[in-house]
Amino acid sequence: MSDDILDHLARDLKPAKPLSVKALGIGAAVATVLAAVYIFVLYGARPELKALLGGDFSIDPMAWFKPLLFIAIGAGALWSVADLARPEGRLRLRTLAPLLIALGFVLVALVADLFARGFGAFRNIGDPSVLCVLTIVCGGGAGLILMWRLWLRRAATSHPGVLGAMSGLAAASLMAAAYAVHCDRDTPVYILGIYGGGVAIVTAVAAVLGRRLLRW
């Protein structure tokens, strides 16, 4: 093939604008804050946060620890998304560390709770669970759609299913953190079964969609 033909074929090519990791992080932070405000206005704050707004600073540590737990998981998943978006990217242990640490912490707390209370640890797990799961699934799904539309559609990944799963994990975890502004159910079994169940649904659906939609 002559140089003239190559020049002709490449004449109209334009360099692709690189994906901005900073834009991904800022967008995720803004979306999480907006979701938390939405939850606060529509559902109301958990009792400890209401007391905090009234000047009572004797707050239950779980009121801030539970949102931070899911924020850490979401941040690690976003780190994976930024890495996997490139052809040479792969899933790294360091980006999974927040998820593994959080999962280990909750499992240890669950075992301790079972030793202390027996099957009483499972009592009242179902009261507001439907609202919790639906909020995480719907809100996480909405965040996933935004991420797909504004960022992921320009990705060039070698692992579309894994990238889809990590994007779903990020969106659902950050939505779980926002919902924790309202929810005062802090038992390990509730966090693992109800919060974790909602996050797992979004992650699984995103993994399936990623295999189909993120190929290049």
N, C-alpha and C. Protein backbone atom coordinates (compact mmCIF):
# COMPACT_ATOMS: atom_id res chain seq x y z
N MET A 1 0.86 -1.19 0.00
CA MET A 1 0.00 0.00 0.00
C MET A 1 0.90 1.24 0.00
N SER A 2 0.64 2.14 -0.92
CA SER A 2 1.50 3.31 -1.07
C SER A 2 1.25 4.33 0.04
N ASP A 3 2.25 5.22 0.21
CA ASP A 3 2.12 6.26 1.22
C ASP A 3 0.96 7.19 0.91
N ASP A 4 0.68 7.43 -0.37
CA ASP A 4 -0.43 8.32 -0.75
C ASP A 4 -1.76 7.75 -0.29
N ILE A 5 -1.92 6.42 -0.45
CA ILE A 5 -3.18 5.79 -0.04
C ILE A 5 -3.32 5.85 1.48
N LEU A 6 -2.21 5.60 2.20
CA LEU A 6 -2.25 5.69 3.66
C LEU A 6 -2.59 7.09 4.13
N ASP A 7 -1.99 8.10 3.48
CA ASP A 7 -2.28 9.48 3.84
C ASP A 7 -3.74 9.81 3.59
N HIS A 8 -4.29 9.26 2.50
CA HIS A 8 -5.69 9.53 2.18
C HIS A 8 -6.62 8.89 3.22
N LEU A 9 -6.30 7.65 3.64
CA LEU A 9 -7.13 6.96 4.61
C LEU A 9 -7.08 7.63 5.98
N ALA A 10 -5.92 8.19 6.31
CA ALA A 10 -5.76 8.79 7.63
C ALA A 10 -6.09 10.27 7.67
N ARG A 11 -6.48 10.83 6.55
CA ARG A 11 -6.68 12.28 6.47
C ARG A 11 -7.77 12.77 7.40
N ASP A 12 -8.85 12.04 7.49
CA ASP A 12 -10.00 12.50 8.28
C ASP A 12 -10.01 11.95 9.71
N LEU A 13 -8.97 11.24 10.10
CA LEU A 13 -8.93 10.70 11.45
C LEU A 13 -8.65 11.81 12.46
N LYS A 14 -9.34 11.73 13.57
CA LYS A 14 -9.13 12.69 14.65
C LYS A 14 -8.75 11.94 15.91
N PRO A 15 -7.77 12.42 16.66
CA PRO A 15 -7.37 11.72 17.88
C PRO A 15 -8.51 11.70 18.90
N ALA A 16 -8.66 10.55 19.55
CA ALA A 16 -9.71 10.43 20.57
C ALA A 16 -9.29 11.17 21.83
N LYS A 17 -10.23 11.91 22.38
CA LYS A 17 -9.96 12.62 23.63
C LYS A 17 -9.86 11.62 24.76
N PRO A 18 -8.78 11.64 25.54
CA PRO A 18 -8.62 10.66 26.62
C PRO A 18 -9.70 10.83 27.69
N LEU A 19 -10.07 9.71 28.29
CA LEU A 19 -11.06 9.75 29.36
C LEU A 19 -10.47 10.44 30.58
N SER A 20 -11.25 11.30 31.19
CA SER A 20 -10.80 12.07 32.34
C SER A 20 -11.20 11.35 33.63
N VAL A 21 -10.21 10.83 34.34
CA VAL A 21 -10.48 10.18 35.62
C VAL A 21 -11.00 11.21 36.63
N LYS A 22 -10.48 12.42 36.55
CA LYS A 22 -10.93 13.48 37.44
C LYS A 22 -12.41 13.76 37.25
N ALA A 23 -12.85 13.80 35.99
CA ALA A 23 -14.27 14.04 35.71
C ALA A 23 -15.13 12.91 36.25
N LEU A 24 -14.62 11.67 36.17
CA LEU A 24 -15.37 10.53 36.71
C LEU A 24 -15.54 10.68 38.22
N GLY A 25 -14.47 11.04 38.91
CA GLY A 25 -14.54 11.19 40.36
C GLY A 25 -15.44 12.33 40.79
N ILE A 26 -15.30 13.47 40.12
CA ILE A 26 -16.13 14.63 40.47
C ILE A 26 -17.61 14.33 40.19
N GLY A 27 -17.88 13.71 39.06
CA GLY A 27 -19.26 13.37 38.73
C GLY A 27 -19.87 12.42 39.73
N ALA A 28 -19.09 11.42 40.17
CA ALA A 28 -19.59 10.46 41.16
C ALA A 28 -19.85 11.16 42.49
N ALA A 29 -18.96 12.07 42.89
CA ALA A 29 -19.14 12.78 44.16
C ALA A 29 -20.38 13.66 44.13
N VAL A 30 -20.58 14.38 43.03
CA VAL A 30 -21.74 15.26 42.90
C VAL A 30 -23.03 14.42 42.91
N ALA A 31 -23.02 13.31 42.17
CA ALA A 31 -24.21 12.45 42.11
C ALA A 31 -24.54 11.88 43.49
N THR A 32 -23.52 11.51 44.26
CA THR A 32 -23.75 10.96 45.59
C THR A 32 -24.35 12.00 46.52
N VAL A 33 -23.81 13.22 46.47
CA VAL A 33 -24.34 14.30 47.31
C VAL A 33 -25.80 14.59 46.94
N LEU A 34 -26.09 14.66 45.65
CA LEU A 34 -27.47 14.93 45.21
C LEU A 34 -28.41 13.81 45.65
N ALA A 35 -27.93 12.57 45.56
CA ALA A 35 -28.76 11.44 45.99
C ALA A 35 -29.01 11.51 47.49
N ALA A 36 -28.00 11.89 48.27
CA ALA A 36 -28.17 12.00 49.72
C ALA A 36 -29.17 13.10 50.07
N VAL A 37 -29.09 14.23 49.35
CA VAL A 37 -30.05 15.32 49.58
C VAL A 37 -31.46 14.85 49.23
N TYR A 38 -31.58 14.13 48.13
CA TYR A 38 -32.89 13.60 47.73
C TYR A 38 -33.45 12.67 48.81
N ILE A 39 -32.62 11.77 49.33
CA ILE A 39 -33.04 10.85 50.38
C ILE A 39 -33.43 11.63 51.64
N PHE A 40 -32.62 12.62 51.98
CA PHE A 40 -32.87 13.43 53.18
C PHE A 40 -34.22 14.14 53.08
N VAL A 41 -34.51 14.71 51.92
CA VAL A 41 -35.75 15.48 51.74
C VAL A 41 -36.96 14.56 51.64
N LEU A 42 -36.82 13.47 50.87
CA LEU A 42 -37.97 12.61 50.60
C LEU A 42 -38.26 11.64 51.75
N TYR A 43 -37.21 11.02 52.30
CA TYR A 43 -37.38 10.00 53.33
C TYR A 43 -37.17 10.53 54.74
N GLY A 44 -36.39 11.59 54.86
CA GLY A 44 -36.03 12.11 56.17
C GLY A 44 -34.71 11.53 56.67
N ALA A 45 -34.11 12.19 57.63
CA ALA A 45 -32.83 11.75 58.18
C ALA A 45 -33.04 10.73 59.28
N ARG A 46 -32.03 9.90 59.52
CA ARG A 46 -32.09 8.97 60.64
C ARG A 46 -32.09 9.77 61.95
N PRO A 47 -32.65 9.23 63.03
CA PRO A 47 -32.83 10.00 64.27
C PRO A 47 -31.57 10.68 64.78
N GLU A 48 -30.41 10.00 64.67
CA GLU A 48 -29.17 10.59 65.18
C GLU A 48 -28.78 11.84 64.41
N LEU A 49 -29.02 11.84 63.11
CA LEU A 49 -28.69 13.02 62.31
C LEU A 49 -29.63 14.17 62.63
N LYS A 50 -30.89 13.85 62.90
CA LYS A 50 -31.82 14.89 63.32
C LYS A 50 -31.37 15.52 64.64
N ALA A 51 -30.94 14.66 65.56
CA ALA A 51 -30.45 15.17 66.85
C ALA A 51 -29.19 16.00 66.66
N LEU A 52 -28.34 15.60 65.72
CA LEU A 52 -27.12 16.35 65.45
C LEU A 52 -27.45 17.74 64.93
N LEU A 53 -28.44 17.81 64.05
CA LEU A 53 -28.87 19.11 63.53
C LEU A 53 -29.45 19.98 64.64
N GLY A 54 -29.97 19.33 65.69
CA GLY A 54 -30.52 20.07 66.82
C GLY A 54 -29.49 20.42 67.89
N GLY A 55 -28.23 20.07 67.65
CA GLY A 55 -27.16 20.42 68.58
C GLY A 55 -26.72 19.31 69.49
N ASP A 56 -27.29 18.10 69.34
CA ASP A 56 -26.88 16.97 70.16
C ASP A 56 -25.77 16.22 69.45
N PHE A 57 -24.55 16.28 69.97
CA PHE A 57 -23.40 15.71 69.29
C PHE A 57 -23.05 14.31 69.80
N SER A 58 -23.90 13.74 70.65
CA SER A 58 -23.69 12.37 71.13
C SER A 58 -24.25 11.39 70.11
N ILE A 59 -23.61 11.32 68.94
CA ILE A 59 -24.14 10.58 67.81
C ILE A 59 -23.64 9.14 67.82
N ASP A 60 -24.48 8.24 67.41
CA ASP A 60 -24.10 6.84 67.26
C ASP A 60 -23.03 6.75 66.17
N PRO A 61 -21.90 6.10 66.44
CA PRO A 61 -20.83 6.01 65.43
C PRO A 61 -21.29 5.40 64.11
N MET A 62 -22.28 4.52 64.15
CA MET A 62 -22.76 3.89 62.91
C MET A 62 -23.42 4.89 61.98
N ALA A 63 -23.85 6.04 62.51
CA ALA A 63 -24.47 7.05 61.67
C ALA A 63 -23.50 7.60 60.63
N TRP A 64 -22.23 7.60 60.94
CA TRP A 64 -21.23 8.05 59.96
C TRP A 64 -20.41 6.89 59.43
N PHE A 65 -20.26 5.81 60.22
CA PHE A 65 -19.42 4.70 59.77
C PHE A 65 -20.06 3.96 58.60
N LYS A 66 -21.38 3.74 58.65
CA LYS A 66 -22.04 2.97 57.59
C LYS A 66 -21.96 3.68 56.24
N PRO A 67 -22.25 5.00 56.15
CA PRO A 67 -22.05 5.67 54.86
C PRO A 67 -20.60 5.63 54.40
N LEU A 68 -19.65 5.82 55.31
CA LEU A 68 -18.24 5.79 54.93
C LEU A 68 -17.82 4.41 54.43
N LEU A 69 -18.42 3.37 54.97
CA LEU A 69 -18.13 2.01 54.54
C LEU A 69 -18.45 1.85 53.05
N PHE A 70 -19.64 2.31 52.66
CA PHE A 70 -20.04 2.17 51.26
C PHE A 70 -19.35 3.19 50.35
N ILE A 71 -19.01 4.34 50.88
CA ILE A 71 -18.24 5.30 50.09
C ILE A 71 -16.87 4.71 49.76
N ALA A 72 -16.25 4.04 50.73
CA ALA A 72 -14.95 3.42 50.49
C ALA A 72 -15.05 2.34 49.42
N ILE A 73 -16.10 1.52 49.49
CA ILE A 73 -16.29 0.48 48.47
C ILE A 73 -16.50 1.12 47.10
N GLY A 74 -17.35 2.17 47.05
CA GLY A 74 -17.61 2.84 45.78
C GLY A 74 -16.37 3.49 45.21
N ALA A 75 -15.54 4.09 46.06
CA ALA A 75 -14.32 4.73 45.59
C ALA A 75 -13.35 3.70 45.02
N GLY A 76 -13.21 2.56 45.70
CA GLY A 76 -12.35 1.50 45.17
C GLY A 76 -12.84 0.98 43.83
N ALA A 77 -14.17 0.82 43.70
CA ALA A 77 -14.74 0.35 42.44
C ALA A 77 -14.52 1.37 41.33
N LEU A 78 -14.65 2.66 41.65
CA LEU A 78 -14.39 3.70 40.65
C LEU A 78 -12.93 3.67 40.19
N TRP A 79 -12.04 3.40 41.12
CA TRP A 79 -10.63 3.25 40.78
C TRP A 79 -10.44 2.11 39.78
N SER A 80 -11.15 1.01 40.01
CA SER A 80 -11.11 -0.11 39.07
C SER A 80 -11.66 0.28 37.71
N VAL A 81 -12.77 1.03 37.70
CA VAL A 81 -13.38 1.48 36.45
C VAL A 81 -12.39 2.32 35.64
N ALA A 82 -11.73 3.26 36.31
CA ALA A 82 -10.76 4.12 35.62
C ALA A 82 -9.62 3.30 35.02
N ASP A 83 -9.20 2.25 35.73
CA ASP A 83 -8.11 1.41 35.25
C ASP A 83 -8.57 0.51 34.10
N LEU A 84 -9.73 -0.13 34.27
CA LEU A 84 -10.23 -1.08 33.29
C LEU A 84 -10.70 -0.43 31.99
N ALA A 85 -10.91 0.88 32.00
CA ALA A 85 -11.40 1.57 30.80
C ALA A 85 -10.36 1.56 29.68
N ARG A 86 -9.08 1.32 30.00
CA ARG A 86 -8.02 1.28 29.01
C ARG A 86 -7.79 -0.16 28.56
N PRO A 87 -7.34 -0.36 27.32
CA PRO A 87 -7.13 -1.74 26.81
C PRO A 87 -6.19 -2.56 27.67
N GLU A 88 -5.16 -1.91 28.23
CA GLU A 88 -4.18 -2.64 29.04
C GLU A 88 -4.60 -2.78 30.49
N GLY A 89 -5.73 -2.19 30.86
CA GLY A 89 -6.16 -2.21 32.25
C GLY A 89 -6.61 -3.59 32.71
N ARG A 90 -6.46 -3.84 33.99
CA ARG A 90 -6.91 -5.10 34.57
C ARG A 90 -7.35 -4.85 36.01
N LEU A 91 -8.05 -5.81 36.55
CA LEU A 91 -8.53 -5.71 37.92
C LEU A 91 -7.37 -5.95 38.88
N ARG A 92 -7.16 -5.02 39.79
CA ARG A 92 -6.02 -5.10 40.69
C ARG A 92 -6.52 -5.27 42.13
N LEU A 93 -5.71 -5.95 42.92
CA LEU A 93 -6.07 -6.22 44.31
C LEU A 93 -6.21 -4.93 45.09
N ARG A 94 -5.38 -3.93 44.80
CA ARG A 94 -5.42 -2.69 45.58
C ARG A 94 -6.75 -1.98 45.42
N THR A 95 -7.39 -2.10 44.24
CA THR A 95 -8.69 -1.44 44.05
C THR A 95 -9.82 -2.24 44.68
N LEU A 96 -9.58 -3.53 44.91
CA LEU A 96 -10.58 -4.36 45.58
C LEU A 96 -10.42 -4.34 47.10
N ALA A 97 -9.33 -3.76 47.58
CA ALA A 97 -9.05 -3.77 49.01
C ALA A 97 -10.19 -3.19 49.85
N PRO A 98 -10.77 -2.02 49.48
CA PRO A 98 -11.88 -1.50 50.30
C PRO A 98 -13.05 -2.47 50.40
N LEU A 99 -13.38 -3.15 49.28
CA LEU A 99 -14.48 -4.12 49.30
C LEU A 99 -14.14 -5.30 50.19
N LEU A 100 -12.94 -5.83 50.07
CA LEU A 100 -12.54 -7.00 50.86
C LEU A 100 -12.46 -6.66 52.34
N ILE A 101 -11.92 -5.48 52.67
CA ILE A 101 -11.83 -5.07 54.07
C ILE A 101 -13.23 -4.88 54.67
N ALA A 102 -14.10 -4.19 53.91
CA ALA A 102 -15.47 -3.96 54.39
C ALA A 102 -16.21 -5.29 54.57
N LEU A 103 -16.07 -6.19 53.59
CA LEU A 103 -16.74 -7.49 53.69
C LEU A 103 -16.22 -8.28 54.89
N GLY A 104 -14.91 -8.26 55.08
CA GLY A 104 -14.33 -8.96 56.23
C GLY A 104 -14.81 -8.38 57.54
N PHE A 105 -14.87 -7.06 57.63
CA PHE A 105 -15.33 -6.40 58.85
C PHE A 105 -16.77 -6.77 59.17
N VAL A 106 -17.64 -6.74 58.17
CA VAL A 106 -19.05 -7.05 58.40
C VAL A 106 -19.23 -8.52 58.77
N LEU A 107 -18.47 -9.41 58.14
CA LEU A 107 -18.58 -10.83 58.46
C LEU A 107 -18.13 -11.11 59.89
N VAL A 108 -17.03 -10.48 60.31
CA VAL A 108 -16.57 -10.65 61.69
C VAL A 108 -17.62 -10.13 62.67
N ALA A 109 -18.20 -8.95 62.35
CA ALA A 109 -19.24 -8.38 63.21
C ALA A 109 -20.47 -9.29 63.25
N LEU A 110 -20.80 -9.91 62.11
CA LEU A 110 -21.94 -10.81 62.06
C LEU A 110 -21.71 -12.04 62.93
N VAL A 111 -20.53 -12.62 62.84
CA VAL A 111 -20.21 -13.79 63.67
C VAL A 111 -20.28 -13.42 65.15
N ALA A 112 -19.73 -12.26 65.51
CA ALA A 112 -19.77 -11.82 66.91
C ALA A 112 -21.21 -11.61 67.37
N ASP A 113 -22.05 -11.04 66.49
CA ASP A 113 -23.46 -10.81 66.83
C ASP A 113 -24.20 -12.12 67.00
N LEU A 114 -23.89 -13.11 66.16
CA LEU A 114 -24.53 -14.42 66.28
C LEU A 114 -24.14 -15.10 67.58
N PHE A 115 -22.88 -14.98 67.99
CA PHE A 115 -22.45 -15.55 69.25
C PHE A 115 -23.15 -14.87 70.43
N ALA A 116 -23.36 -13.56 70.30
CA ALA A 116 -23.95 -12.80 71.40
C ALA A 116 -25.46 -12.99 71.50
N ARG A 117 -26.15 -13.02 70.35
CA ARG A 117 -27.62 -13.01 70.37
C ARG A 117 -28.24 -14.24 69.74
N GLY A 118 -27.46 -15.10 69.16
CA GLY A 118 -28.01 -16.27 68.49
C GLY A 118 -28.84 -15.86 67.29
N PHE A 119 -29.96 -16.56 67.09
CA PHE A 119 -30.82 -16.24 65.95
C PHE A 119 -31.57 -14.92 66.14
N GLY A 120 -31.44 -14.32 67.31
CA GLY A 120 -32.03 -12.99 67.49
C GLY A 120 -31.36 -11.95 66.62
N ALA A 121 -30.17 -12.27 66.10
CA ALA A 121 -29.48 -11.34 65.18
C ALA A 121 -30.27 -11.14 63.90
N PHE A 122 -31.16 -12.10 63.57
CA PHE A 122 -31.94 -12.00 62.34
C PHE A 122 -33.31 -11.38 62.56
N ARG A 123 -33.59 -10.96 63.78
CA ARG A 123 -34.92 -10.44 64.12
C ARG A 123 -35.16 -9.10 63.43
N ASN A 124 -36.35 -8.90 62.90
CA ASN A 124 -36.79 -7.64 62.29
C ASN A 124 -35.96 -7.23 61.07
N ILE A 125 -35.31 -8.17 60.44
CA ILE A 125 -34.50 -7.82 59.28
C ILE A 125 -35.37 -7.36 58.10
N GLY A 126 -36.62 -7.81 58.06
CA GLY A 126 -37.42 -7.53 56.88
C GLY A 126 -38.27 -6.28 56.91
N ASP A 127 -38.26 -5.52 58.03
CA ASP A 127 -39.21 -4.41 58.15
C ASP A 127 -39.13 -3.40 57.00
N PRO A 128 -38.01 -2.66 56.85
CA PRO A 128 -37.95 -1.68 55.76
C PRO A 128 -37.09 -2.16 54.60
N SER A 129 -36.90 -3.48 54.47
CA SER A 129 -35.92 -4.00 53.53
C SER A 129 -36.31 -3.74 52.07
N VAL A 130 -37.60 -3.79 51.76
CA VAL A 130 -38.02 -3.59 50.37
C VAL A 130 -37.66 -2.19 49.90
N LEU A 131 -37.93 -1.20 50.75
CA LEU A 131 -37.60 0.19 50.40
C LEU A 131 -36.10 0.35 50.22
N CYS A 132 -35.33 -0.29 51.09
CA CYS A 132 -33.87 -0.18 51.01
C CYS A 132 -33.36 -0.77 49.70
N VAL A 133 -33.78 -1.99 49.39
CA VAL A 133 -33.30 -2.66 48.18
C VAL A 133 -33.74 -1.90 46.93
N LEU A 134 -35.02 -1.49 46.89
CA LEU A 134 -35.51 -0.76 45.72
C LEU A 134 -34.78 0.56 45.51
N THR A 135 -34.50 1.26 46.61
CA THR A 135 -33.79 2.54 46.49
C THR A 135 -32.38 2.33 45.96
N ILE A 136 -31.69 1.33 46.47
CA ILE A 136 -30.32 1.06 46.01
C ILE A 136 -30.32 0.60 44.56
N VAL A 137 -31.26 -0.29 44.22
CA VAL A 137 -31.30 -0.81 42.85
C VAL A 137 -31.68 0.28 41.84
N CYS A 138 -32.74 1.02 42.15
CA CYS A 138 -33.19 2.07 41.23
C CYS A 138 -32.19 3.23 41.15
N GLY A 139 -31.73 3.70 42.32
CA GLY A 139 -30.77 4.79 42.33
C GLY A 139 -29.44 4.38 41.75
N GLY A 140 -28.97 3.17 42.10
CA GLY A 140 -27.74 2.67 41.51
C GLY A 140 -27.86 2.48 40.02
N GLY A 141 -29.02 2.00 39.57
CA GLY A 141 -29.24 1.84 38.13
C GLY A 141 -29.21 3.18 37.40
N ALA A 142 -29.83 4.20 38.02
CA ALA A 142 -29.81 5.53 37.41
C ALA A 142 -28.38 6.07 37.32
N GLY A 143 -27.60 5.88 38.40
CA GLY A 143 -26.21 6.31 38.37
C GLY A 143 -25.40 5.56 37.33
N LEU A 144 -25.69 4.28 37.17
CA LEU A 144 -25.00 3.47 36.17
C LEU A 144 -25.30 3.96 34.76
N ILE A 145 -26.55 4.32 34.50
CA ILE A 145 -26.93 4.84 33.18
C ILE A 145 -26.19 6.14 32.88
N LEU A 146 -26.11 7.02 33.88
CA LEU A 146 -25.38 8.27 33.70
C LEU A 146 -23.90 8.01 33.43
N MET A 147 -23.31 7.09 34.19
CA MET A 147 -21.91 6.77 33.99
C MET A 147 -21.67 6.20 32.59
N TRP A 148 -22.60 5.35 32.16
CA TRP A 148 -22.49 4.75 30.84
C TRP A 148 -22.58 5.83 29.76
N ARG A 149 -23.52 6.72 29.92
CA ARG A 149 -23.77 7.73 28.89
C ARG A 149 -22.65 8.76 28.82
N LEU A 150 -22.16 9.19 29.96
CA LEU A 150 -21.22 10.30 30.00
C LEU A 150 -19.76 9.87 29.99
N TRP A 151 -19.48 8.60 30.33
CA TRP A 151 -18.07 8.22 30.48
C TRP A 151 -17.75 6.86 29.87
N LEU A 152 -18.50 5.83 30.23
CA LEU A 152 -18.14 4.47 29.85
C LEU A 152 -18.26 4.20 28.35
N ARG A 153 -19.12 4.90 27.65
CA ARG A 153 -19.31 4.61 26.23
C ARG A 153 -18.07 4.90 25.40
N ARG A 154 -17.13 5.67 25.96
CA ARG A 154 -15.89 5.94 25.24
C ARG A 154 -14.73 5.07 25.74
N ALA A 155 -15.05 4.08 26.59
CA ALA A 155 -14.01 3.20 27.11
C ALA A 155 -13.57 2.20 26.04
N ALA A 156 -12.35 1.72 26.17
CA ALA A 156 -11.81 0.70 25.26
C ALA A 156 -11.19 -0.39 26.13
N THR A 157 -12.05 -1.21 26.70
CA THR A 157 -11.60 -2.19 27.69
C THR A 157 -11.36 -3.55 27.06
N SER A 158 -10.45 -4.30 27.64
CA SER A 158 -10.23 -5.69 27.25
C SER A 158 -11.04 -6.65 28.12
N HIS A 159 -11.73 -6.11 29.11
CA HIS A 159 -12.51 -6.93 30.05
C HIS A 159 -13.88 -6.29 30.25
N PRO A 160 -14.76 -6.36 29.25
CA PRO A 160 -16.04 -5.64 29.32
C PRO A 160 -16.94 -6.10 30.46
N GLY A 161 -16.96 -7.40 30.74
CA GLY A 161 -17.80 -7.88 31.83
C GLY A 161 -17.34 -7.38 33.19
N VAL A 162 -16.03 -7.40 33.40
CA VAL A 162 -15.49 -6.94 34.67
C VAL A 162 -15.69 -5.44 34.82
N LEU A 163 -15.47 -4.69 33.72
CA LEU A 163 -15.70 -3.25 33.77
C LEU A 163 -17.16 -2.94 34.09
N GLY A 164 -18.07 -3.69 33.48
CA GLY A 164 -19.49 -3.51 33.79
C GLY A 164 -19.78 -3.78 35.25
N ALA A 165 -19.22 -4.86 35.79
CA ALA A 165 -19.45 -5.21 37.19
C ALA A 165 -18.93 -4.14 38.13
N MET A 166 -17.73 -3.63 37.86
CA MET A 166 -17.14 -2.61 38.73
C MET A 166 -17.92 -1.29 38.65
N SER A 167 -18.43 -0.97 37.48
CA SER A 167 -19.23 0.25 37.36
C SER A 167 -20.54 0.10 38.12
N GLY A 168 -21.15 -1.08 38.06
CA GLY A 168 -22.36 -1.32 38.84
C GLY A 168 -22.10 -1.31 40.33
N LEU A 169 -20.98 -1.91 40.74
CA LEU A 169 -20.61 -1.90 42.16
C LEU A 169 -20.40 -0.48 42.65
N ALA A 170 -19.74 0.34 41.86
CA ALA A 170 -19.50 1.74 42.25
C ALA A 170 -20.81 2.50 42.40
N ALA A 171 -21.67 2.43 41.38
CA ALA A 171 -22.92 3.18 41.40
C ALA A 171 -23.82 2.75 42.55
N ALA A 172 -23.95 1.43 42.75
CA ALA A 172 -24.83 0.92 43.80
C ALA A 172 -24.28 1.21 45.19
N SER A 173 -22.96 1.10 45.37
CA SER A 173 -22.37 1.36 46.68
C SER A 173 -22.55 2.82 47.08
N LEU A 174 -22.35 3.72 46.14
CA LEU A 174 -22.52 5.15 46.45
C LEU A 174 -23.98 5.47 46.74
N MET A 175 -24.91 4.79 46.06
CA MET A 175 -26.32 4.98 46.36
C MET A 175 -26.65 4.42 47.74
N ALA A 176 -26.02 3.31 48.12
CA ALA A 176 -26.21 2.75 49.46
C ALA A 176 -25.72 3.73 50.52
N ALA A 177 -24.60 4.40 50.24
CA ALA A 177 -24.09 5.41 51.18
C ALA A 177 -25.08 6.55 51.33
N ALA A 178 -25.71 6.96 50.22
CA ALA A 178 -26.70 8.03 50.28
C ALA A 178 -27.93 7.59 51.07
N TYR A 179 -28.37 6.33 50.86
CA TYR A 179 -29.56 5.84 51.57
C TYR A 179 -29.30 5.73 53.07
N ALA A 180 -28.03 5.51 53.45
CA ALA A 180 -27.69 5.38 54.87
C ALA A 180 -27.94 6.67 55.65
N VAL A 181 -28.11 7.78 54.95
CA VAL A 181 -28.50 9.04 55.61
C VAL A 181 -29.85 8.88 56.29
N HIS A 182 -30.70 8.04 55.72
CA HIS A 182 -32.05 7.83 56.25
C HIS A 182 -32.14 6.60 57.15
N CYS A 183 -31.48 5.52 56.78
CA CYS A 183 -31.69 4.22 57.43
C CYS A 183 -30.91 4.10 58.73
N ASP A 184 -31.59 3.65 59.78
CA ASP A 184 -30.93 3.45 61.07
C ASP A 184 -30.82 1.97 61.43
N ARG A 185 -30.96 1.10 60.44
CA ARG A 185 -30.77 -0.33 60.67
C ARG A 185 -29.29 -0.64 60.48
N ASP A 186 -28.58 -0.92 61.57
CA ASP A 186 -27.13 -1.02 61.53
C ASP A 186 -26.60 -2.40 61.88
N THR A 187 -27.47 -3.39 62.00
CA THR A 187 -26.98 -4.71 62.37
C THR A 187 -26.18 -5.31 61.21
N PRO A 188 -25.18 -6.13 61.52
CA PRO A 188 -24.36 -6.72 60.45
C PRO A 188 -25.17 -7.52 59.44
N VAL A 189 -26.17 -8.27 59.93
CA VAL A 189 -26.95 -9.08 59.00
C VAL A 189 -27.77 -8.20 58.06
N TYR A 190 -28.22 -7.06 58.54
CA TYR A 190 -28.98 -6.14 57.68
C TYR A 190 -28.06 -5.51 56.63
N ILE A 191 -26.89 -5.08 57.06
CA ILE A 191 -25.95 -4.46 56.13
C ILE A 191 -25.53 -5.46 55.06
N LEU A 192 -25.23 -6.69 55.48
CA LEU A 192 -24.78 -7.70 54.53
C LEU A 192 -25.90 -8.20 53.64
N GLY A 193 -27.04 -8.50 54.25
CA GLY A 193 -28.13 -9.12 53.49
C GLY A 193 -28.95 -8.14 52.67
N ILE A 194 -29.31 -6.99 53.24
CA ILE A 194 -30.21 -6.06 52.57
C ILE A 194 -29.42 -5.05 51.73
N TYR A 195 -28.52 -4.32 52.37
CA TYR A 195 -27.68 -3.41 51.59
C TYR A 195 -26.85 -4.19 50.56
N GLY A 196 -26.19 -5.26 51.05
CA GLY A 196 -25.36 -6.06 50.14
C GLY A 196 -26.16 -6.69 49.02
N GLY A 197 -27.40 -7.10 49.33
CA GLY A 197 -28.24 -7.68 48.29
C GLY A 197 -28.57 -6.70 47.19
N GLY A 198 -28.92 -5.46 47.57
CA GLY A 198 -29.21 -4.44 46.56
C GLY A 198 -27.99 -4.13 45.70
N VAL A 199 -26.83 -4.01 46.35
CA VAL A 199 -25.59 -3.74 45.61
C VAL A 199 -25.27 -4.89 44.68
N ALA A 200 -25.46 -6.12 45.14
CA ALA A 200 -25.15 -7.31 44.33
C ALA A 200 -26.03 -7.38 43.09
N ILE A 201 -27.30 -7.01 43.21
CA ILE A 201 -28.21 -7.04 42.05
C ILE A 201 -27.72 -6.11 40.96
N VAL A 202 -27.39 -4.88 41.33
CA VAL A 202 -26.92 -3.90 40.33
C VAL A 202 -25.60 -4.37 39.73
N THR A 203 -24.71 -4.90 40.55
CA THR A 203 -23.41 -5.36 40.06
C THR A 203 -23.58 -6.49 39.06
N ALA A 204 -24.46 -7.44 39.35
CA ALA A 204 -24.67 -8.58 38.46
C ALA A 204 -25.28 -8.15 37.13
N VAL A 205 -26.29 -7.28 37.18
CA VAL A 205 -26.92 -6.80 35.95
C VAL A 205 -25.91 -6.02 35.11
N ALA A 206 -25.11 -5.18 35.75
CA ALA A 206 -24.12 -4.39 35.03
C ALA A 206 -23.05 -5.28 34.39
N ALA A 207 -22.69 -6.38 35.05
CA ALA A 207 -21.72 -7.30 34.48
C ALA A 207 -22.25 -7.93 33.20
N VAL A 208 -23.53 -8.34 33.22
CA VAL A 208 -24.14 -8.94 32.03
C VAL A 208 -24.22 -7.92 30.90
N LEU A 209 -24.67 -6.71 31.22
CA LEU A 209 -24.77 -5.67 30.19
C LEU A 209 -23.39 -5.28 29.67
N GLY A 210 -22.40 -5.26 30.56
CA GLY A 210 -21.06 -4.88 30.15
C GLY A 210 -20.51 -5.80 29.09
N ARG A 211 -20.77 -7.09 29.21
CA ARG A 211 -20.28 -8.04 28.20
C ARG A 211 -20.84 -7.74 26.82
N ARG A 212 -22.05 -7.19 26.79
CA ARG A 212 -22.70 -6.91 25.50
C ARG A 212 -22.40 -5.50 24.97
N LEU A 213 -22.36 -4.52 25.88
CA LEU A 213 -22.33 -3.13 25.45
C LEU A 213 -20.97 -2.47 25.50
N LEU A 214 -20.01 -3.06 26.18
CA LEU A 214 -18.72 -2.43 26.34
C LEU A 214 -17.62 -3.06 25.48
N ARG A 215 -18.03 -3.89 24.53
CA ARG A 215 -17.04 -4.45 23.60
C ARG A 215 -16.63 -3.39 22.58
N TRP A 216 -15.44 -3.54 22.06
CA TRP A 216 -14.97 -2.58 21.05
C TRP A 216 -14.16 -3.31 19.97
